[in-house]
């Protein structure tokens, strides 16, 4: 199958090599940075262009849009102007929050979709970084496009997860919490530890073992059997000490109370505390 990729950034460059090395023919790569385009296209033997209009006559059967969410509308407006040249092709994008409805007026709904990897991509790659392999990919769209996206995922040894169009923002929120918020949690730890010991320069290294072990516990035993700490032990005194230590930081107190409430819910539903203890914790953690 002949494929064109529009948008050669962190996601697009990774997808480029995954497709190329699993037998797809990349015929055109479209982007803004000419030097990057030349380098990437040279490695997969494709044409390249900084002009979206090149898609019209590039001979591709499938067009994959990997631009930022804010640029999708601009790209789609350009594609609408050449829709007669796109007949018979399949098109999908890699956005997590935007649905395939963005392609209305370009191709029939059966030929369009969205293909969002539940993965994090932090830089452009110039070789196969294998980030599309062995993952789950959220998909939605028309029948023809769904079939193609499943075939692509299978080539990557990945699996697909069907996402209802109206649930895409919620689905993307879950992905953001899984990745972006984890980074923010570690940044909060960093701020806290700066007040504990100014000589600590690499907080992520210090806390890497406990973070990794906790995640492994969740993977192995599930959420309910992985929660440890003062709430599971019904140690309300420790929570009071925690709150007292950050009583001058309203944002951190709100964060602590919100997350602790979820921990209380987990502990309570698993029989780790009785109703009286539950009520005491909830009262302490009220805003």
C-alpha atoms as a PDB file:
ATOM      1  CA  UNK A   1       0.000   0.000   0.000  1.00  0.00           C
ATOM      2  CA  UNK A   2       1.207   3.489  -0.915  1.00  0.00           C
ATOM      3  CA  UNK A   3       1.125   5.961   1.964  1.00  0.00           C
ATOM      4  CA  UNK A   4       1.569   9.704   2.365  1.00  0.00           C
ATOM      5  CA  UNK A   5       2.309  11.202   5.773  1.00  0.00           C
ATOM      6  CA  UNK A   6       1.456  14.832   6.448  1.00  0.00           C
ATOM      7  CA  UNK A   7       3.251  16.160   9.514  1.00  0.00           C
ATOM      8  CA  UNK A   8       6.682  14.754  10.295  1.00  0.00           C
ATOM      9  CA  UNK A   9       7.101  15.595  13.963  1.00  0.00           C
ATOM     10  CA  UNK A  10       7.499  13.334  16.978  1.00  0.00           C
ATOM     11  CA  UNK A  11       4.573  11.058  16.079  1.00  0.00           C
ATOM     12  CA  UNK A  12       4.851  11.291  12.306  1.00  0.00           C
ATOM     13  CA  UNK A  13       8.546  10.406  12.164  1.00  0.00           C
ATOM     14  CA  UNK A  14       8.042   7.385  14.413  1.00  0.00           C
ATOM     15  CA  UNK A  15       5.068   6.192  12.369  1.00  0.00           C
ATOM     16  CA  UNK A  16       7.032   6.738   9.168  1.00  0.00           C
ATOM     17  CA  UNK A  17       9.659   4.139  10.054  1.00  0.00           C
ATOM     18  CA  UNK A  18       7.168   1.693  11.569  1.00  0.00           C
ATOM     19  CA  UNK A  19       5.187   1.713   8.330  1.00  0.00           C
ATOM     20  CA  UNK A  20       8.282   1.546   6.139  1.00  0.00           C
ATOM     21  CA  UNK A  21       9.754  -1.422   8.004  1.00  0.00           C
ATOM     22  CA  UNK A  22       6.493  -3.395   7.957  1.00  0.00           C
ATOM     23  CA  UNK A  23       6.094  -3.286   4.187  1.00  0.00           C
ATOM     24  CA  UNK A  24       4.186  -0.101   3.457  1.00  0.00           C
ATOM     25  CA  UNK A  25       5.491   2.073   0.637  1.00  0.00           C
ATOM     26  CA  UNK A  26       5.950   5.676   1.703  1.00  0.00           C
ATOM     27  CA  UNK A  27       5.478   7.788  -1.431  1.00  0.00           C
ATOM     28  CA  UNK A  28       5.401  11.290   0.030  1.00  0.00           C
ATOM     29  CA  UNK A  29       6.156  13.100   3.283  1.00  0.00           C
ATOM     30  CA  UNK A  30       4.807  16.604   3.796  1.00  0.00           C
ATOM     31  CA  UNK A  31       5.995  19.036   6.437  1.00  0.00           C
ATOM     32  CA  UNK A  32       7.361  22.491   7.171  1.00  0.00           C
ATOM     33  CA  UNK A  33      11.072  21.887   7.798  1.00  0.00           C
ATOM     34  CA  UNK A  34      12.856  21.157   4.531  1.00  0.00           C
ATOM     35  CA  UNK A  35      16.023  19.819   6.149  1.00  0.00           C
ATOM     36  CA  UNK A  36      14.055  17.307   8.231  1.00  0.00           C
ATOM     37  CA  UNK A  37      11.983  16.275   5.212  1.00  0.00           C
ATOM     38  CA  UNK A  38      15.078  15.637   3.107  1.00  0.00           C
ATOM     39  CA  UNK A  39      16.702  13.544   5.809  1.00  0.00           C
ATOM     40  CA  UNK A  40      13.630  11.428   6.564  1.00  0.00           C
ATOM     41  CA  UNK A  41      12.512  10.937   2.970  1.00  0.00           C
ATOM     42  CA  UNK A  42      16.015   9.852   2.033  1.00  0.00           C
ATOM     43  CA  UNK A  43      15.853   7.050   4.582  1.00  0.00           C
ATOM     44  CA  UNK A  44      12.569   5.624   3.284  1.00  0.00           C
ATOM     45  CA  UNK A  45      13.001   6.426  -0.417  1.00  0.00           C
ATOM     46  CA  UNK A  46      10.025   8.751  -0.718  1.00  0.00           C
ATOM     47  CA  UNK A  47       9.309  12.124  -2.235  1.00  0.00           C
ATOM     48  CA  UNK A  48       8.941  15.110   0.060  1.00  0.00           C
ATOM     49  CA  UNK A  49       7.277  18.499  -0.049  1.00  0.00           C
ATOM     50  CA  UNK A  50       6.519  21.565   2.048  1.00  0.00           C
ATOM     51  CA  UNK A  51       3.345  22.035   0.002  1.00  0.00           C
ATOM     52  CA  UNK A  52       0.183  20.189   1.060  1.00  0.00           C
ATOM     53  CA  UNK A  53      -1.030  20.392  -2.547  1.00  0.00           C
ATOM     54  CA  UNK A  54       1.553  17.746  -3.461  1.00  0.00           C
ATOM     55  CA  UNK A  55      -0.817  15.173  -1.951  1.00  0.00           C
ATOM     56  CA  UNK A  56      -3.233  15.575  -4.866  1.00  0.00           C
ATOM     57  CA  UNK A  57      -1.014  13.882  -7.420  1.00  0.00           C
ATOM     58  CA  UNK A  58       1.385  11.793  -5.344  1.00  0.00           C
ATOM     59  CA  UNK A  59      -0.291   8.453  -6.093  1.00  0.00           C
ATOM     60  CA  UNK A  60      -0.912   7.534  -2.469  1.00  0.00           C
ATOM     61  CA  UNK A  61      -3.738   5.222  -1.467  1.00  0.00           C
ATOM     62  CA  UNK A  62      -3.775   6.291   2.173  1.00  0.00           C
ATOM     63  CA  UNK A  63      -3.113   9.700   3.704  1.00  0.00           C
ATOM     64  CA  UNK A  64      -2.110   9.884   7.368  1.00  0.00           C
ATOM     65  CA  UNK A  65      -2.292  13.270   9.070  1.00  0.00           C
ATOM     66  CA  UNK A  66       0.134  13.601  12.004  1.00  0.00           C
ATOM     67  CA  UNK A  67      -0.013  17.341  12.621  1.00  0.00           C
ATOM     68  CA  UNK A  68      -0.806  19.004  15.954  1.00  0.00           C
ATOM     69  CA  UNK A  69      -4.484  19.228  16.856  1.00  0.00           C
ATOM     70  CA  UNK A  70      -4.503  22.969  16.289  1.00  0.00           C
ATOM     71  CA  UNK A  71      -3.306  22.494  12.701  1.00  0.00           C
ATOM     72  CA  UNK A  72      -5.810  19.814  11.722  1.00  0.00           C
ATOM     73  CA  UNK A  73      -8.424  22.321  10.612  1.00  0.00           C
ATOM     74  CA  UNK A  74      -5.949  24.147   8.384  1.00  0.00           C
ATOM     75  CA  UNK A  75      -4.807  20.896   6.765  1.00  0.00           C
ATOM     76  CA  UNK A  76      -8.390  19.737   6.232  1.00  0.00           C
ATOM     77  CA  UNK A  77      -9.348  23.032   4.599  1.00  0.00           C
ATOM     78  CA  UNK A  78      -6.500  22.538   2.132  1.00  0.00           C
ATOM     79  CA  UNK A  79      -7.561  18.948   1.459  1.00  0.00           C
ATOM     80  CA  UNK A  80     -11.148  20.036   0.775  1.00  0.00           C
ATOM     81  CA  UNK A  81      -9.901  22.178  -2.077  1.00  0.00           C
ATOM     82  CA  UNK A  82      -8.429  19.085  -3.744  1.00  0.00           C
ATOM     83  CA  UNK A  83     -11.101  16.565  -2.732  1.00  0.00           C
ATOM     84  CA  UNK A  84     -11.770  15.518  -6.331  1.00  0.00           C
ATOM     85  CA  UNK A  85      -8.167  14.326  -6.549  1.00  0.00           C
ATOM     86  CA  UNK A  86      -8.536  12.274  -3.368  1.00  0.00           C
ATOM     87  CA  UNK A  87     -11.432  10.066  -4.458  1.00  0.00           C
ATOM     88  CA  UNK A  88     -11.014   6.421  -3.526  1.00  0.00           C
ATOM     89  CA  UNK A  89      -8.318   7.073  -0.959  1.00  0.00           C
ATOM     90  CA  UNK A  90      -8.413   6.445   2.778  1.00  0.00           C
ATOM     91  CA  UNK A  91      -7.509   9.103   5.314  1.00  0.00           C
ATOM     92  CA  UNK A  92      -6.967   9.138   9.065  1.00  0.00           C
ATOM     93  CA  UNK A  93      -5.237  11.276  11.674  1.00  0.00           C
ATOM     94  CA  UNK A  94      -3.347  10.498  14.882  1.00  0.00           C
ATOM     95  CA  UNK A  95      -5.031  12.973  17.238  1.00  0.00           C
ATOM     96  CA  UNK A  96      -6.323  11.667  20.545  1.00  0.00           C
ATOM     97  CA  UNK A  97      -8.963  14.314  21.169  1.00  0.00           C
ATOM     98  CA  UNK A  98     -10.279  15.082  17.664  1.00  0.00           C
ATOM     99  CA  UNK A  99     -12.614  12.663  15.878  1.00  0.00           C
ATOM    100  CA  UNK A 100     -12.763  11.594  12.237  1.00  0.00           C
ATOM    101  CA  UNK A 101     -15.641  14.027  11.698  1.00  0.00           C
ATOM    102  CA  UNK A 102     -12.976  16.620  10.925  1.00  0.00           C
ATOM    103  CA  UNK A 103     -12.733  14.959   7.490  1.00  0.00           C
ATOM    104  CA  UNK A 104     -16.359  15.667   6.546  1.00  0.00           C
ATOM    105  CA  UNK A 105     -16.553  17.066   3.045  1.00  0.00           C
ATOM    106  CA  UNK A 106     -13.228  15.552   2.006  1.00  0.00           C
ATOM    107  CA  UNK A 107     -13.931  11.830   1.682  1.00  0.00           C
ATOM    108  CA  UNK A 108     -16.879   9.546   2.506  1.00  0.00           C
ATOM    109  CA  UNK A 109     -17.114   8.735   6.222  1.00  0.00           C
ATOM    110  CA  UNK A 110     -16.385   5.067   5.443  1.00  0.00           C
ATOM    111  CA  UNK A 111     -12.937   6.111   4.215  1.00  0.00           C
ATOM    112  CA  UNK A 112     -11.914   8.248   7.185  1.00  0.00           C
ATOM    113  CA  UNK A 113     -10.877   7.622  10.772  1.00  0.00           C
ATOM    114  CA  UNK A 114      -8.572   8.406  13.662  1.00  0.00           C
ATOM    115  CA  UNK A 115      -5.660   6.281  14.872  1.00  0.00           C
ATOM    116  CA  UNK A 116      -4.274   7.419  18.222  1.00  0.00           C
ATOM    117  CA  UNK A 117      -1.345   5.530  19.780  1.00  0.00           C
ATOM    118  CA  UNK A 118      -1.525   5.285  23.566  1.00  0.00           C
ATOM    119  CA  UNK A 119       2.143   6.110  23.740  1.00  0.00           C
ATOM    120  CA  UNK A 120       4.379   9.098  24.397  1.00  0.00           C
ATOM    121  CA  UNK A 121       6.681  10.581  21.758  1.00  0.00           C
ATOM    122  CA  UNK A 122       9.123  13.193  23.045  1.00  0.00           C
ATOM    123  CA  UNK A 123      11.270  13.886  19.989  1.00  0.00           C
ATOM    124  CA  UNK A 124      11.658  13.457  16.246  1.00  0.00           C
ATOM    125  CA  UNK A 125      13.360  10.198  15.319  1.00  0.00           C
ATOM    126  CA  UNK A 126      15.540   9.373  12.327  1.00  0.00           C
ATOM    127  CA  UNK A 127      15.286   5.617  12.743  1.00  0.00           C
ATOM    128  CA  UNK A 128      12.687   3.128  13.924  1.00  0.00           C
ATOM    129  CA  UNK A 129      12.267   3.728  17.658  1.00  0.00           C
ATOM    130  CA  UNK A 130       9.672   0.920  17.811  1.00  0.00           C
ATOM    131  CA  UNK A 131       7.262   3.079  19.828  1.00  0.00           C
ATOM    132  CA  UNK A 132       4.301   1.869  17.772  1.00  0.00           C
ATOM    133  CA  UNK A 133       5.071  -1.764  18.590  1.00  0.00           C
ATOM    134  CA  UNK A 134       3.249  -3.724  21.295  1.00  0.00           C
ATOM    135  CA  UNK A 135       0.915  -0.903  22.297  1.00  0.00           C
ATOM    136  CA  UNK A 136      -2.806  -0.160  22.242  1.00  0.00           C
ATOM    137  CA  UNK A 137      -4.098   2.206  19.566  1.00  0.00           C
ATOM    138  CA  UNK A 138      -7.424   3.989  19.988  1.00  0.00           C
ATOM    139  CA  UNK A 139      -9.380   3.979  16.731  1.00  0.00           C
ATOM    140  CA  UNK A 140     -12.704   5.190  15.388  1.00  0.00           C
ATOM    141  CA  UNK A 141     -14.057   5.883  11.929  1.00  0.00           C
ATOM    142  CA  UNK A 142     -15.786   4.337   8.939  1.00  0.00           C
ATOM    143  CA  UNK A 143     -15.874   0.659   8.041  1.00  0.00           C
ATOM    144  CA  UNK A 144     -13.202   0.728   5.334  1.00  0.00           C
ATOM    145  CA  UNK A 145     -10.832   2.840   7.405  1.00  0.00           C
ATOM    146  CA  UNK A 146     -11.351   0.765  10.559  1.00  0.00           C
ATOM    147  CA  UNK A 147     -10.369  -2.361   8.618  1.00  0.00           C
ATOM    148  CA  UNK A 148      -7.190  -0.694   7.377  1.00  0.00           C
ATOM    149  CA  UNK A 149      -6.218   0.705  10.780  1.00  0.00           C
ATOM    150  CA  UNK A 150      -6.642  -2.721  12.370  1.00  0.00           C
ATOM    151  CA  UNK A 151      -4.408  -4.234   9.694  1.00  0.00           C
ATOM    152  CA  UNK A 152      -1.742  -1.612  10.347  1.00  0.00           C
ATOM    153  CA  UNK A 153      -1.891  -2.169  14.108  1.00  0.00           C
ATOM    154  CA  UNK A 154      -1.560  -5.914  13.551  1.00  0.00           C
ATOM    155  CA  UNK A 155       1.563  -5.303  11.459  1.00  0.00           C
ATOM    156  CA  UNK A 156       2.980  -3.418  14.442  1.00  0.00           C
ATOM    157  CA  UNK A 157       2.110  -6.292  16.820  1.00  0.00           C
ATOM    158  CA  UNK A 158      -0.227  -3.852  18.526  1.00  0.00           C
ATOM    159  CA  UNK A 159      -3.927  -4.014  19.376  1.00  0.00           C
ATOM    160  CA  UNK A 160      -6.767  -1.590  18.725  1.00  0.00           C
ATOM    161  CA  UNK A 161      -9.370  -0.153  21.070  1.00  0.00           C
ATOM    162  CA  UNK A 162     -12.645   1.146  19.613  1.00  0.00           C
ATOM    163  CA  UNK A 163     -13.452   4.657  20.864  1.00  0.00           C
ATOM    164  CA  UNK A 164     -16.962   6.134  20.396  1.00  0.00           C
ATOM    165  CA  UNK A 165     -16.708   9.489  18.634  1.00  0.00           C
ATOM    166  CA  UNK A 166     -18.435  11.373  21.440  1.00  0.00           C
ATOM    167  CA  UNK A 167     -16.071   9.861  24.034  1.00  0.00           C
ATOM    168  CA  UNK A 168     -12.814  10.922  22.392  1.00  0.00           C
ATOM    169  CA  UNK A 169     -12.178  13.875  24.738  1.00  0.00           C
ATOM    170  CA  UNK A 170     -12.652  11.586  27.770  1.00  0.00           C
ATOM    171  CA  UNK A 171     -10.449   8.924  26.201  1.00  0.00           C
ATOM    172  CA  UNK A 172      -7.753  11.500  25.545  1.00  0.00           C
ATOM    173  CA  UNK A 173      -8.066  12.801  29.102  1.00  0.00           C
ATOM    174  CA  UNK A 174      -7.233   9.304  30.361  1.00  0.00           C
ATOM    175  CA  UNK A 175      -4.144   9.241  28.145  1.00  0.00           C
ATOM    176  CA  UNK A 176      -3.050  12.657  29.407  1.00  0.00           C
ATOM    177  CA  UNK A 177      -3.422  11.544  33.025  1.00  0.00           C
ATOM    178  CA  UNK A 178      -1.411   8.393  32.271  1.00  0.00           C
ATOM    179  CA  UNK A 179       1.501  10.272  30.729  1.00  0.00           C
ATOM    180  CA  UNK A 180       1.542  14.041  31.199  1.00  0.00           C
ATOM    181  CA  UNK A 181       0.210  14.023  34.744  1.00  0.00           C
ATOM    182  CA  UNK A 182       2.794  11.444  35.778  1.00  0.00           C
ATOM    183  CA  UNK A 183       5.486  13.902  34.716  1.00  0.00           C
ATOM    184  CA  UNK A 184       3.730  16.607  36.743  1.00  0.00           C
ATOM    185  CA  UNK A 185       3.563  14.337  39.811  1.00  0.00           C
ATOM    186  CA  UNK A 186       7.328  13.897  39.631  1.00  0.00           C
ATOM    187  CA  UNK A 187       7.772  17.652  39.267  1.00  0.00           C
ATOM    188  CA  UNK A 188       5.711  18.132  42.446  1.00  0.00           C
ATOM    189  CA  UNK A 189       7.954  15.604  44.201  1.00  0.00           C
ATOM    190  CA  UNK A 190      10.911  17.634  42.982  1.00  0.00           C
ATOM    191  CA  UNK A 191       9.516  20.822  44.538  1.00  0.00           C
ATOM    192  CA  UNK A 192       8.860  19.080  47.841  1.00  0.00           C
ATOM    193  CA  UNK A 193      12.298  17.503  47.999  1.00  0.00           C
ATOM    194  CA  UNK A 194      14.015  20.835  47.356  1.00  0.00           C
ATOM    195  CA  UNK A 195      12.759  21.939  50.762  1.00  0.00           C
ATOM    196  CA  UNK A 196      13.876  18.657  52.342  1.00  0.00           C
ATOM    197  CA  UNK A 197      17.432  18.505  51.021  1.00  0.00           C
ATOM    198  CA  UNK A 198      18.833  21.095  48.633  1.00  0.00           C
ATOM    199  CA  UNK A 199      21.691  18.757  47.714  1.00  0.00           C
ATOM    200  CA  UNK A 200      19.380  16.349  45.883  1.00  0.00           C
ATOM    201  CA  UNK A 201      19.901  17.071  42.196  1.00  0.00           C
ATOM    202  CA  UNK A 202      18.186  14.103  40.557  1.00  0.00           C
ATOM    203  CA  UNK A 203      14.857  13.436  42.224  1.00  0.00           C
ATOM    204  CA  UNK A 204      13.692  11.132  39.427  1.00  0.00           C
ATOM    205  CA  UNK A 205      16.641   8.828  40.142  1.00  0.00           C
ATOM    206  CA  UNK A 206      15.931   8.813  43.888  1.00  0.00           C
ATOM    207  CA  UNK A 207      12.272   7.907  43.426  1.00  0.00           C
ATOM    208  CA  UNK A 208      12.633   5.716  40.337  1.00  0.00           C
ATOM    209  CA  UNK A 209      12.604   2.397  42.282  1.00  0.00           C
ATOM    210  CA  UNK A 210       9.395   3.156  44.189  1.00  0.00           C
ATOM    211  CA  UNK A 211       7.671   4.504  41.070  1.00  0.00           C
ATOM    212  CA  UNK A 212       8.701   1.495  38.980  1.00  0.00           C
ATOM    213  CA  UNK A 213       7.715  -0.991  41.682  1.00  0.00           C
ATOM    214  CA  UNK A 214       4.336   0.665  42.178  1.00  0.00           C
ATOM    215  CA  UNK A 215       3.609   0.526  38.446  1.00  0.00           C
ATOM    216  CA  UNK A 216       4.721  -3.106  38.294  1.00  0.00           C
ATOM    217  CA  UNK A 217       2.403  -3.905  41.195  1.00  0.00           C
ATOM    218  CA  UNK A 218      -0.509  -2.311  39.344  1.00  0.00           C
ATOM    219  CA  UNK A 219       0.317  -4.274  36.181  1.00  0.00           C
ATOM    220  CA  UNK A 220       0.622  -7.531  38.144  1.00  0.00           C
ATOM    221  CA  UNK A 221      -1.999  -7.270  40.872  1.00  0.00           C
ATOM    222  CA  UNK A 222      -4.313  -4.477  39.765  1.00  0.00           C
ATOM    223  CA  UNK A 223      -5.149  -1.174  41.460  1.00  0.00           C
ATOM    224  CA  UNK A 224      -7.025  -2.594  44.443  1.00  0.00           C
ATOM    225  CA  UNK A 225      -4.126  -4.739  45.649  1.00  0.00           C
ATOM    226  CA  UNK A 226      -1.392  -2.191  44.926  1.00  0.00           C
ATOM    227  CA  UNK A 227      -2.315   0.662  47.245  1.00  0.00           C
ATOM    228  CA  UNK A 228      -0.070   0.884  50.320  1.00  0.00           C
ATOM    229  CA  UNK A 229       0.717   3.642  52.809  1.00  0.00           C
ATOM    230  CA  UNK A 230      -0.983   5.510  55.651  1.00  0.00           C
ATOM    231  CA  UNK A 231      -4.531   5.453  54.283  1.00  0.00           C
ATOM    232  CA  UNK A 232      -4.558   1.672  53.910  1.00  0.00           C
ATOM    233  CA  UNK A 233      -3.183   1.491  57.453  1.00  0.00           C
ATOM    234  CA  UNK A 234      -5.947   3.841  58.674  1.00  0.00           C
ATOM    235  CA  UNK A 235      -3.222   6.194  59.924  1.00  0.00           C
ATOM    236  CA  UNK A 236      -5.080   9.497  60.056  1.00  0.00           C
ATOM    237  CA  UNK A 237      -2.388  11.021  62.280  1.00  0.00           C
ATOM    238  CA  UNK A 238       0.130  10.842  59.435  1.00  0.00           C
ATOM    239  CA  UNK A 239      -2.284  12.543  57.044  1.00  0.00           C
ATOM    240  CA  UNK A 240      -2.724  15.364  59.531  1.00  0.00           C
ATOM    241  CA  UNK A 241       1.059  15.734  59.699  1.00  0.00           C
ATOM    242  CA  UNK A 242       1.258  15.824  55.894  1.00  0.00           C
ATOM    243  CA  UNK A 243      -1.390  18.531  55.688  1.00  0.00           C
ATOM    244  CA  UNK A 244       0.276  20.546  58.422  1.00  0.00           C
ATOM    245  CA  UNK A 245       3.582  20.458  56.558  1.00  0.00           C
ATOM    246  CA  UNK A 246       1.997  22.128  53.518  1.00  0.00           C
ATOM    247  CA  UNK A 247      -0.462  24.449  55.231  1.00  0.00           C
ATOM    248  CA  UNK A 248       1.149  27.424  53.482  1.00  0.00           C
ATOM    249  CA  UNK A 249       0.595  25.951  50.006  1.00  0.00           C
ATOM    250  CA  UNK A 250      -3.070  25.972  48.994  1.00  0.00           C
ATOM    251  CA  UNK A 251      -2.474  24.384  45.593  1.00  0.00           C
ATOM    252  CA  UNK A 252      -0.515  21.492  47.075  1.00  0.00           C
ATOM    253  CA  UNK A 253      -3.109  21.008  49.812  1.00  0.00           C
ATOM    254  CA  UNK A 254      -5.873  20.810  47.206  1.00  0.00           C
ATOM    255  CA  UNK A 255      -3.838  18.318  45.190  1.00  0.00           C
ATOM    256  CA  UNK A 256      -3.085  16.226  48.282  1.00  0.00           C
ATOM    257  CA  UNK A 257      -6.706  16.161  49.427  1.00  0.00           C
ATOM    258  CA  UNK A 258      -8.059  15.292  45.980  1.00  0.00           C
ATOM    259  CA  UNK A 259      -5.702  12.359  45.443  1.00  0.00           C
ATOM    260  CA  UNK A 260      -6.021  11.192  49.055  1.00  0.00           C
ATOM    261  CA  UNK A 261      -9.807  11.053  48.703  1.00  0.00           C
ATOM    262  CA  UNK A 262      -9.382   8.624  45.833  1.00  0.00           C
ATOM    263  CA  UNK A 263      -7.021   6.534  47.977  1.00  0.00           C
ATOM    264  CA  UNK A 264      -9.659   6.487  50.742  1.00  0.00           C
ATOM    265  CA  UNK A 265     -12.264   5.271  48.244  1.00  0.00           C
ATOM    266  CA  UNK A 266      -9.950   2.473  47.096  1.00  0.00           C
ATOM    267  CA  UNK A 267      -9.186   1.419  50.667  1.00  0.00           C
ATOM    268  CA  UNK A 268     -12.849   1.510  51.712  1.00  0.00           C
ATOM    269  CA  UNK A 269     -14.164  -0.489  48.777  1.00  0.00           C
ATOM    270  CA  UNK A 270     -11.582  -3.179  49.531  1.00  0.00           C
ATOM    271  CA  UNK A 271     -12.504  -3.487  53.186  1.00  0.00           C
ATOM    272  CA  UNK A 272      -9.359  -1.795  54.480  1.00  0.00           C
ATOM    273  CA  UNK A 273     -11.353   0.621  56.669  1.00  0.00           C
ATOM    274  CA  UNK A 274     -14.785   0.703  58.274  1.00  0.00           C
ATOM    275  CA  UNK A 275     -17.461   3.337  57.715  1.00  0.00           C
ATOM    276  CA  UNK A 276     -16.468   5.406  60.751  1.00  0.00           C
ATOM    277  CA  UNK A 277     -12.843   5.596  59.622  1.00  0.00           C
ATOM    278  CA  UNK A 278     -13.995   6.399  56.107  1.00  0.00           C
ATOM    279  CA  UNK A 279     -16.077   9.318  57.363  1.00  0.00           C
ATOM    280  CA  UNK A 280     -13.193  10.590  59.489  1.00  0.00           C
ATOM    281  CA  UNK A 281     -10.831  10.608  56.533  1.00  0.00           C
ATOM    282  CA  UNK A 282     -13.355  12.299  54.242  1.00  0.00           C
ATOM    283  CA  UNK A 283     -13.994  14.987  56.852  1.00  0.00           C
ATOM    284  CA  UNK A 284     -10.265  15.650  57.210  1.00  0.00           C
ATOM    285  CA  UNK A 285      -9.856  15.858  53.447  1.00  0.00           C
ATOM    286  CA  UNK A 286     -12.791  18.172  52.773  1.00  0.00           C
ATOM    287  CA  UNK A 287     -11.971  21.424  50.992  1.00  0.00           C
END
